[in-house]
């Protein structure tokens, strides 16, 4: 399906790599445009910390057993606060922002390997993010123990404990993560990147004939 378009922007790195391998003659059509935060919504608020570890997301033991295991493991060792949408699919962003700002640590778990919205939105709020090491695509942007902290099933409890005990370390990571997201990973930055790629794909006016330019613009499509 994606072959029908002149340019395709995907929010995860893995499918871009696969498309480029499957269609090497069209590899310049496929681009990774990661998710990002809207800083007008997800921002730092002047609120006191009332939660040790917070998780915001839906819970379903059968559909998401990994998530269930992670939450139960943390609940056995720490005071974990879980906000699952009050029976709805999700909480409104305004409430999520307050929960993030009131938390010492925000837990992130991915439904599939990659970078999800929670990663950027939590960091934009200036909270320390404890996130899955996942497929390591986060390494393209962030450094472990500098902008965020990653975990796997073995290191989860130890790393959570270290962050809760060391406020200076935790807050330092949170502030560096926030600064980086606001500099490079907002929706404005993604829009700039998209427009740059589109502009680079257009024919050079000086070298193209009028017919070529006309045909190109009539047939150009992005997904």
C-alpha atoms as a PDB file:
ATOM      1  CA  UNK A   1       0.000   0.000   0.000  1.00  0.00           C
ATOM      2  CA  UNK A   2       2.752   2.414   0.911  1.00  0.00           C
ATOM      3  CA  UNK A   3       4.331   1.991  -2.532  1.00  0.00           C
ATOM      4  CA  UNK A   4       1.504   4.045  -4.016  1.00  0.00           C
ATOM      5  CA  UNK A   5       2.886   7.200  -2.397  1.00  0.00           C
ATOM      6  CA  UNK A   6       5.820   9.389  -3.363  1.00  0.00           C
ATOM      7  CA  UNK A   7       6.764   9.867   0.286  1.00  0.00           C
ATOM      8  CA  UNK A   8       5.801   7.862   3.353  1.00  0.00           C
ATOM      9  CA  UNK A   9       6.402   8.974   6.940  1.00  0.00           C
ATOM     10  CA  UNK A  10       6.231   6.328   9.662  1.00  0.00           C
ATOM     11  CA  UNK A  11       6.391   6.938  13.405  1.00  0.00           C
ATOM     12  CA  UNK A  12       8.615   3.936  14.202  1.00  0.00           C
ATOM     13  CA  UNK A  13      12.104   3.072  12.975  1.00  0.00           C
ATOM     14  CA  UNK A  14      11.675  -0.683  12.467  1.00  0.00           C
ATOM     15  CA  UNK A  15       9.096  -0.562   9.631  1.00  0.00           C
ATOM     16  CA  UNK A  16      11.158   2.075   7.827  1.00  0.00           C
ATOM     17  CA  UNK A  17      14.200  -0.209   7.923  1.00  0.00           C
ATOM     18  CA  UNK A  18      12.101  -3.115   6.629  1.00  0.00           C
ATOM     19  CA  UNK A  19      10.590  -1.098   3.783  1.00  0.00           C
ATOM     20  CA  UNK A  20      14.004   0.123   2.701  1.00  0.00           C
ATOM     21  CA  UNK A  21      15.291  -3.447   2.668  1.00  0.00           C
ATOM     22  CA  UNK A  22      12.256  -4.787   0.804  1.00  0.00           C
ATOM     23  CA  UNK A  23      12.244  -1.974  -1.779  1.00  0.00           C
ATOM     24  CA  UNK A  24      15.854  -0.751  -2.112  1.00  0.00           C
ATOM     25  CA  UNK A  25      15.097   1.065  -5.386  1.00  0.00           C
ATOM     26  CA  UNK A  26      12.501   3.175  -3.533  1.00  0.00           C
ATOM     27  CA  UNK A  27      14.329   3.563  -0.215  1.00  0.00           C
ATOM     28  CA  UNK A  28      14.371   7.371  -0.449  1.00  0.00           C
ATOM     29  CA  UNK A  29      10.579   7.356  -0.237  1.00  0.00           C
ATOM     30  CA  UNK A  30      10.421   5.990   3.312  1.00  0.00           C
ATOM     31  CA  UNK A  31      11.218   8.223   6.282  1.00  0.00           C
ATOM     32  CA  UNK A  32      11.142   7.878  10.053  1.00  0.00           C
ATOM     33  CA  UNK A  33       9.182  10.754  11.589  1.00  0.00           C
ATOM     34  CA  UNK A  34       8.991   9.913  15.303  1.00  0.00           C
ATOM     35  CA  UNK A  35       6.179  10.909  17.591  1.00  0.00           C
ATOM     36  CA  UNK A  36       6.608  14.081  19.642  1.00  0.00           C
ATOM     37  CA  UNK A  37       5.165  16.189  22.448  1.00  0.00           C
ATOM     38  CA  UNK A  38       2.893  19.204  22.219  1.00  0.00           C
ATOM     39  CA  UNK A  39       4.532  21.614  24.704  1.00  0.00           C
ATOM     40  CA  UNK A  40       1.385  23.740  24.858  1.00  0.00           C
ATOM     41  CA  UNK A  41      -0.308  20.804  26.583  1.00  0.00           C
ATOM     42  CA  UNK A  42       2.474  18.725  28.106  1.00  0.00           C
ATOM     43  CA  UNK A  43       4.469  21.143  30.220  1.00  0.00           C
ATOM     44  CA  UNK A  44       5.964  21.572  33.658  1.00  0.00           C
ATOM     45  CA  UNK A  45       3.557  22.782  36.348  1.00  0.00           C
ATOM     46  CA  UNK A  46       4.249  24.143  39.802  1.00  0.00           C
ATOM     47  CA  UNK A  47       2.829  21.167  41.694  1.00  0.00           C
ATOM     48  CA  UNK A  48       4.194  19.199  44.631  1.00  0.00           C
ATOM     49  CA  UNK A  49       5.126  15.527  44.230  1.00  0.00           C
ATOM     50  CA  UNK A  50       2.470  13.301  45.797  1.00  0.00           C
ATOM     51  CA  UNK A  51       3.091  10.021  43.930  1.00  0.00           C
ATOM     52  CA  UNK A  52       6.239   7.895  44.022  1.00  0.00           C
ATOM     53  CA  UNK A  53       5.739   5.941  40.785  1.00  0.00           C
ATOM     54  CA  UNK A  54       2.862   6.577  38.392  1.00  0.00           C
ATOM     55  CA  UNK A  55       1.571   4.634  35.429  1.00  0.00           C
ATOM     56  CA  UNK A  56      -1.104   6.076  33.149  1.00  0.00           C
ATOM     57  CA  UNK A  57      -2.624   3.612  30.693  1.00  0.00           C
ATOM     58  CA  UNK A  58      -5.180   0.899  30.142  1.00  0.00           C
ATOM     59  CA  UNK A  59      -4.935  -2.418  31.971  1.00  0.00           C
ATOM     60  CA  UNK A  60      -6.016  -5.803  30.652  1.00  0.00           C
ATOM     61  CA  UNK A  61      -4.412  -8.914  32.109  1.00  0.00           C
ATOM     62  CA  UNK A  62      -5.222 -11.150  29.117  1.00  0.00           C
ATOM     63  CA  UNK A  63      -4.451  -8.669  26.322  1.00  0.00           C
ATOM     64  CA  UNK A  64      -1.407  -7.078  27.971  1.00  0.00           C
ATOM     65  CA  UNK A  65       0.235  -9.663  30.226  1.00  0.00           C
ATOM     66  CA  UNK A  66       3.647  -7.978  30.125  1.00  0.00           C
ATOM     67  CA  UNK A  67       2.195  -4.720  31.409  1.00  0.00           C
ATOM     68  CA  UNK A  68       0.309  -6.568  34.127  1.00  0.00           C
ATOM     69  CA  UNK A  69       3.472  -8.354  35.261  1.00  0.00           C
ATOM     70  CA  UNK A  70       5.460  -5.104  35.399  1.00  0.00           C
ATOM     71  CA  UNK A  71       2.808  -3.336  37.467  1.00  0.00           C
ATOM     72  CA  UNK A  72       2.425  -6.229  39.896  1.00  0.00           C
ATOM     73  CA  UNK A  73       6.186  -6.479  40.323  1.00  0.00           C
ATOM     74  CA  UNK A  74       6.473  -2.790  41.182  1.00  0.00           C
ATOM     75  CA  UNK A  75       3.451  -2.967  43.491  1.00  0.00           C
ATOM     76  CA  UNK A  76       5.247  -5.665  45.491  1.00  0.00           C
ATOM     77  CA  UNK A  77       8.100  -3.265  46.271  1.00  0.00           C
ATOM     78  CA  UNK A  78       6.858   0.325  46.010  1.00  0.00           C
ATOM     79  CA  UNK A  79       3.851   2.587  46.249  1.00  0.00           C
ATOM     80  CA  UNK A  80       2.659   2.457  42.646  1.00  0.00           C
ATOM     81  CA  UNK A  81      -0.257   4.581  41.459  1.00  0.00           C
ATOM     82  CA  UNK A  82      -2.080   3.316  38.376  1.00  0.00           C
ATOM     83  CA  UNK A  83      -4.541   5.491  36.445  1.00  0.00           C
ATOM     84  CA  UNK A  84      -6.315   3.420  33.821  1.00  0.00           C
ATOM     85  CA  UNK A  85      -8.768   5.923  32.358  1.00  0.00           C
ATOM     86  CA  UNK A  86     -11.617   5.531  34.843  1.00  0.00           C
ATOM     87  CA  UNK A  87     -13.166   2.829  32.696  1.00  0.00           C
ATOM     88  CA  UNK A  88     -12.684   4.797  29.498  1.00  0.00           C
ATOM     89  CA  UNK A  89     -10.060   4.285  26.812  1.00  0.00           C
ATOM     90  CA  UNK A  90      -7.841   7.057  28.175  1.00  0.00           C
ATOM     91  CA  UNK A  91      -7.657  10.012  30.529  1.00  0.00           C
ATOM     92  CA  UNK A  92      -7.967  13.573  29.175  1.00  0.00           C
ATOM     93  CA  UNK A  93      -4.566  15.188  28.515  1.00  0.00           C
ATOM     94  CA  UNK A  94      -5.123  17.919  31.112  1.00  0.00           C
ATOM     95  CA  UNK A  95      -5.453  15.302  33.853  1.00  0.00           C
ATOM     96  CA  UNK A  96      -2.460  13.325  32.579  1.00  0.00           C
ATOM     97  CA  UNK A  97      -0.298  16.459  32.706  1.00  0.00           C
ATOM     98  CA  UNK A  98      -1.177  17.008  36.363  1.00  0.00           C
ATOM     99  CA  UNK A  99      -0.499  13.365  37.229  1.00  0.00           C
ATOM    100  CA  UNK A 100       2.895  13.467  35.535  1.00  0.00           C
ATOM    101  CA  UNK A 101       3.820  16.678  37.335  1.00  0.00           C
ATOM    102  CA  UNK A 102       2.766  15.233  40.687  1.00  0.00           C
ATOM    103  CA  UNK A 103       4.928  12.121  40.250  1.00  0.00           C
ATOM    104  CA  UNK A 104       8.533  11.451  41.177  1.00  0.00           C
ATOM    105  CA  UNK A 105       8.836   8.760  38.512  1.00  0.00           C
ATOM    106  CA  UNK A 106       6.612   7.909  35.547  1.00  0.00           C
ATOM    107  CA  UNK A 107       6.653   4.326  34.287  1.00  0.00           C
ATOM    108  CA  UNK A 108       6.514   3.702  30.556  1.00  0.00           C
ATOM    109  CA  UNK A 109       5.625   0.353  28.989  1.00  0.00           C
ATOM    110  CA  UNK A 110       5.270  -0.207  25.261  1.00  0.00           C
ATOM    111  CA  UNK A 111       2.575  -2.247  23.593  1.00  0.00           C
ATOM    112  CA  UNK A 112       5.124  -2.891  20.813  1.00  0.00           C
ATOM    113  CA  UNK A 113       8.849  -2.114  20.473  1.00  0.00           C
ATOM    114  CA  UNK A 114       9.557   1.508  19.637  1.00  0.00           C
ATOM    115  CA  UNK A 115       9.032   5.053  20.888  1.00  0.00           C
ATOM    116  CA  UNK A 116       5.520   5.842  22.069  1.00  0.00           C
ATOM    117  CA  UNK A 117       3.816   9.137  22.869  1.00  0.00           C
ATOM    118  CA  UNK A 118       4.161   8.667  26.620  1.00  0.00           C
ATOM    119  CA  UNK A 119       7.937   8.873  26.259  1.00  0.00           C
ATOM    120  CA  UNK A 120       7.920  12.400  24.851  1.00  0.00           C
ATOM    121  CA  UNK A 121       4.922  13.675  26.812  1.00  0.00           C
ATOM    122  CA  UNK A 122       6.234  12.617  30.222  1.00  0.00           C
ATOM    123  CA  UNK A 123       9.658  14.088  29.513  1.00  0.00           C
ATOM    124  CA  UNK A 124       8.088  17.365  28.362  1.00  0.00           C
ATOM    125  CA  UNK A 125       6.450  17.625  31.794  1.00  0.00           C
ATOM    126  CA  UNK A 126       9.840  17.508  33.507  1.00  0.00           C
ATOM    127  CA  UNK A 127       9.350  14.183  35.254  1.00  0.00           C
ATOM    128  CA  UNK A 128      11.874  11.352  35.492  1.00  0.00           C
ATOM    129  CA  UNK A 129      10.903   8.648  32.999  1.00  0.00           C
ATOM    130  CA  UNK A 130      11.536   4.955  33.682  1.00  0.00           C
ATOM    131  CA  UNK A 131      11.048   3.312  30.301  1.00  0.00           C
ATOM    132  CA  UNK A 132      11.524  -0.057  28.626  1.00  0.00           C
ATOM    133  CA  UNK A 133      14.789  -0.586  26.800  1.00  0.00           C
ATOM    134  CA  UNK A 134      12.554  -2.005  24.040  1.00  0.00           C
ATOM    135  CA  UNK A 135      14.096  -2.046  20.542  1.00  0.00           C
ATOM    136  CA  UNK A 136      16.719   0.561  21.463  1.00  0.00           C
ATOM    137  CA  UNK A 137      15.338   3.133  19.008  1.00  0.00           C
ATOM    138  CA  UNK A 138      15.370   5.537  21.976  1.00  0.00           C
ATOM    139  CA  UNK A 139      19.176   5.526  21.693  1.00  0.00           C
ATOM    140  CA  UNK A 140      18.861   7.659  18.550  1.00  0.00           C
ATOM    141  CA  UNK A 141      17.770  10.572  20.741  1.00  0.00           C
ATOM    142  CA  UNK A 142      18.350   9.920  24.439  1.00  0.00           C
ATOM    143  CA  UNK A 143      21.104   8.732  26.776  1.00  0.00           C
ATOM    144  CA  UNK A 144      20.387   6.308  29.592  1.00  0.00           C
ATOM    145  CA  UNK A 145      20.771   7.850  33.061  1.00  0.00           C
ATOM    146  CA  UNK A 146      21.096  11.302  31.488  1.00  0.00           C
ATOM    147  CA  UNK A 147      17.731  12.051  29.846  1.00  0.00           C
ATOM    148  CA  UNK A 148      15.759   9.026  31.055  1.00  0.00           C
ATOM    149  CA  UNK A 149      16.308   5.641  32.690  1.00  0.00           C
ATOM    150  CA  UNK A 150      15.657   2.343  30.952  1.00  0.00           C
ATOM    151  CA  UNK A 151      14.807  -1.026  32.459  1.00  0.00           C
ATOM    152  CA  UNK A 152      14.359  -4.662  31.581  1.00  0.00           C
ATOM    153  CA  UNK A 153      12.648  -7.359  33.700  1.00  0.00           C
ATOM    154  CA  UNK A 154      15.864  -7.986  35.639  1.00  0.00           C
ATOM    155  CA  UNK A 155      16.793  -4.367  36.424  1.00  0.00           C
ATOM    156  CA  UNK A 156      13.281  -2.926  36.951  1.00  0.00           C
ATOM    157  CA  UNK A 157      13.115  -3.004  40.760  1.00  0.00           C
ATOM    158  CA  UNK A 158      16.725  -1.970  41.357  1.00  0.00           C
ATOM    159  CA  UNK A 159      16.537   1.039  39.044  1.00  0.00           C
ATOM    160  CA  UNK A 160      13.198   2.196  40.408  1.00  0.00           C
ATOM    161  CA  UNK A 161      14.594   1.985  43.951  1.00  0.00           C
ATOM    162  CA  UNK A 162      17.692   3.988  43.035  1.00  0.00           C
ATOM    163  CA  UNK A 163      15.618   6.769  41.477  1.00  0.00           C
ATOM    164  CA  UNK A 164      13.278   7.039  44.454  1.00  0.00           C
ATOM    165  CA  UNK A 165      16.148   7.194  46.938  1.00  0.00           C
ATOM    166  CA  UNK A 166      18.228   9.787  45.091  1.00  0.00           C
ATOM    167  CA  UNK A 167      16.210  12.966  44.538  1.00  0.00           C
ATOM    168  CA  UNK A 168      19.138  14.945  43.115  1.00  0.00           C
ATOM    169  CA  UNK A 169      19.861  12.254  40.517  1.00  0.00           C
ATOM    170  CA  UNK A 170      16.180  11.860  39.675  1.00  0.00           C
ATOM    171  CA  UNK A 171      15.461  15.553  39.245  1.00  0.00           C
ATOM    172  CA  UNK A 172      18.653  16.102  37.265  1.00  0.00           C
ATOM    173  CA  UNK A 173      17.643  13.410  34.777  1.00  0.00           C
ATOM    174  CA  UNK A 174      14.130  14.839  34.576  1.00  0.00           C
ATOM    175  CA  UNK A 175      15.347  18.349  33.785  1.00  0.00           C
ATOM    176  CA  UNK A 176      17.825  17.225  31.140  1.00  0.00           C
ATOM    177  CA  UNK A 177      15.173  15.069  29.507  1.00  0.00           C
ATOM    178  CA  UNK A 178      12.735  17.950  29.449  1.00  0.00           C
ATOM    179  CA  UNK A 179      15.279  20.365  27.964  1.00  0.00           C
ATOM    180  CA  UNK A 180      16.129  17.933  25.170  1.00  0.00           C
ATOM    181  CA  UNK A 181      12.488  17.252  24.266  1.00  0.00           C
ATOM    182  CA  UNK A 182      11.647  20.951  24.175  1.00  0.00           C
ATOM    183  CA  UNK A 183      14.660  21.584  21.947  1.00  0.00           C
ATOM    184  CA  UNK A 184      14.326  18.721  19.471  1.00  0.00           C
ATOM    185  CA  UNK A 185      11.184  16.645  19.940  1.00  0.00           C
ATOM    186  CA  UNK A 186       8.110  18.857  19.789  1.00  0.00           C
ATOM    187  CA  UNK A 187       5.430  18.714  17.103  1.00  0.00           C
ATOM    188  CA  UNK A 188       6.825  21.957  15.683  1.00  0.00           C
ATOM    189  CA  UNK A 189      10.206  20.303  15.151  1.00  0.00           C
ATOM    190  CA  UNK A 190       8.559  17.327  13.461  1.00  0.00           C
ATOM    191  CA  UNK A 191       6.622  19.639  11.149  1.00  0.00           C
ATOM    192  CA  UNK A 192       9.856  21.399  10.201  1.00  0.00           C
ATOM    193  CA  UNK A 193      11.497  18.050   9.466  1.00  0.00           C
ATOM    194  CA  UNK A 194       8.571  16.886   7.340  1.00  0.00           C
ATOM    195  CA  UNK A 195       8.551  20.088   5.286  1.00  0.00           C
ATOM    196  CA  UNK A 196      12.314  19.860   4.805  1.00  0.00           C
ATOM    197  CA  UNK A 197      12.050  16.329   3.394  1.00  0.00           C
ATOM    198  CA  UNK A 198       9.154  17.347   1.148  1.00  0.00           C
ATOM    199  CA  UNK A 199      11.101  20.343  -0.147  1.00  0.00           C
ATOM    200  CA  UNK A 200      14.151  18.197  -0.873  1.00  0.00           C
ATOM    201  CA  UNK A 201      12.018  15.766  -2.886  1.00  0.00           C
ATOM    202  CA  UNK A 202      10.674  18.460  -5.223  1.00  0.00           C
ATOM    203  CA  UNK A 203      12.378  18.961  -8.594  1.00  0.00           C
ATOM    204  CA  UNK A 204      14.862  21.774  -8.913  1.00  0.00           C
ATOM    205  CA  UNK A 205      13.111  24.591 -10.762  1.00  0.00           C
ATOM    206  CA  UNK A 206      16.189  25.595 -12.707  1.00  0.00           C
ATOM    207  CA  UNK A 207      16.811  22.091 -14.037  1.00  0.00           C
ATOM    208  CA  UNK A 208      13.242  20.962 -14.664  1.00  0.00           C
ATOM    209  CA  UNK A 209      10.987  21.626 -17.606  1.00  0.00           C
ATOM    210  CA  UNK A 210       7.531  23.084 -17.106  1.00  0.00           C
ATOM    211  CA  UNK A 211       5.943  19.757 -18.099  1.00  0.00           C
ATOM    212  CA  UNK A 212       8.047  17.831 -15.581  1.00  0.00           C
ATOM    213  CA  UNK A 213       7.138  20.206 -12.750  1.00  0.00           C
ATOM    214  CA  UNK A 214       3.451  20.107 -13.681  1.00  0.00           C
ATOM    215  CA  UNK A 215       3.336  16.312 -13.873  1.00  0.00           C
ATOM    216  CA  UNK A 216       5.227  15.958 -10.600  1.00  0.00           C
ATOM    217  CA  UNK A 217       2.885  18.173  -8.631  1.00  0.00           C
ATOM    218  CA  UNK A 218      -0.197  16.572 -10.130  1.00  0.00           C
ATOM    219  CA  UNK A 219       1.004  13.136  -9.063  1.00  0.00           C
ATOM    220  CA  UNK A 220       2.622  13.875  -5.705  1.00  0.00           C
ATOM    221  CA  UNK A 221       1.078  12.181  -2.667  1.00  0.00           C
ATOM    222  CA  UNK A 222       2.190  11.773   0.940  1.00  0.00           C
ATOM    223  CA  UNK A 223       1.028   9.446   3.689  1.00  0.00           C
END
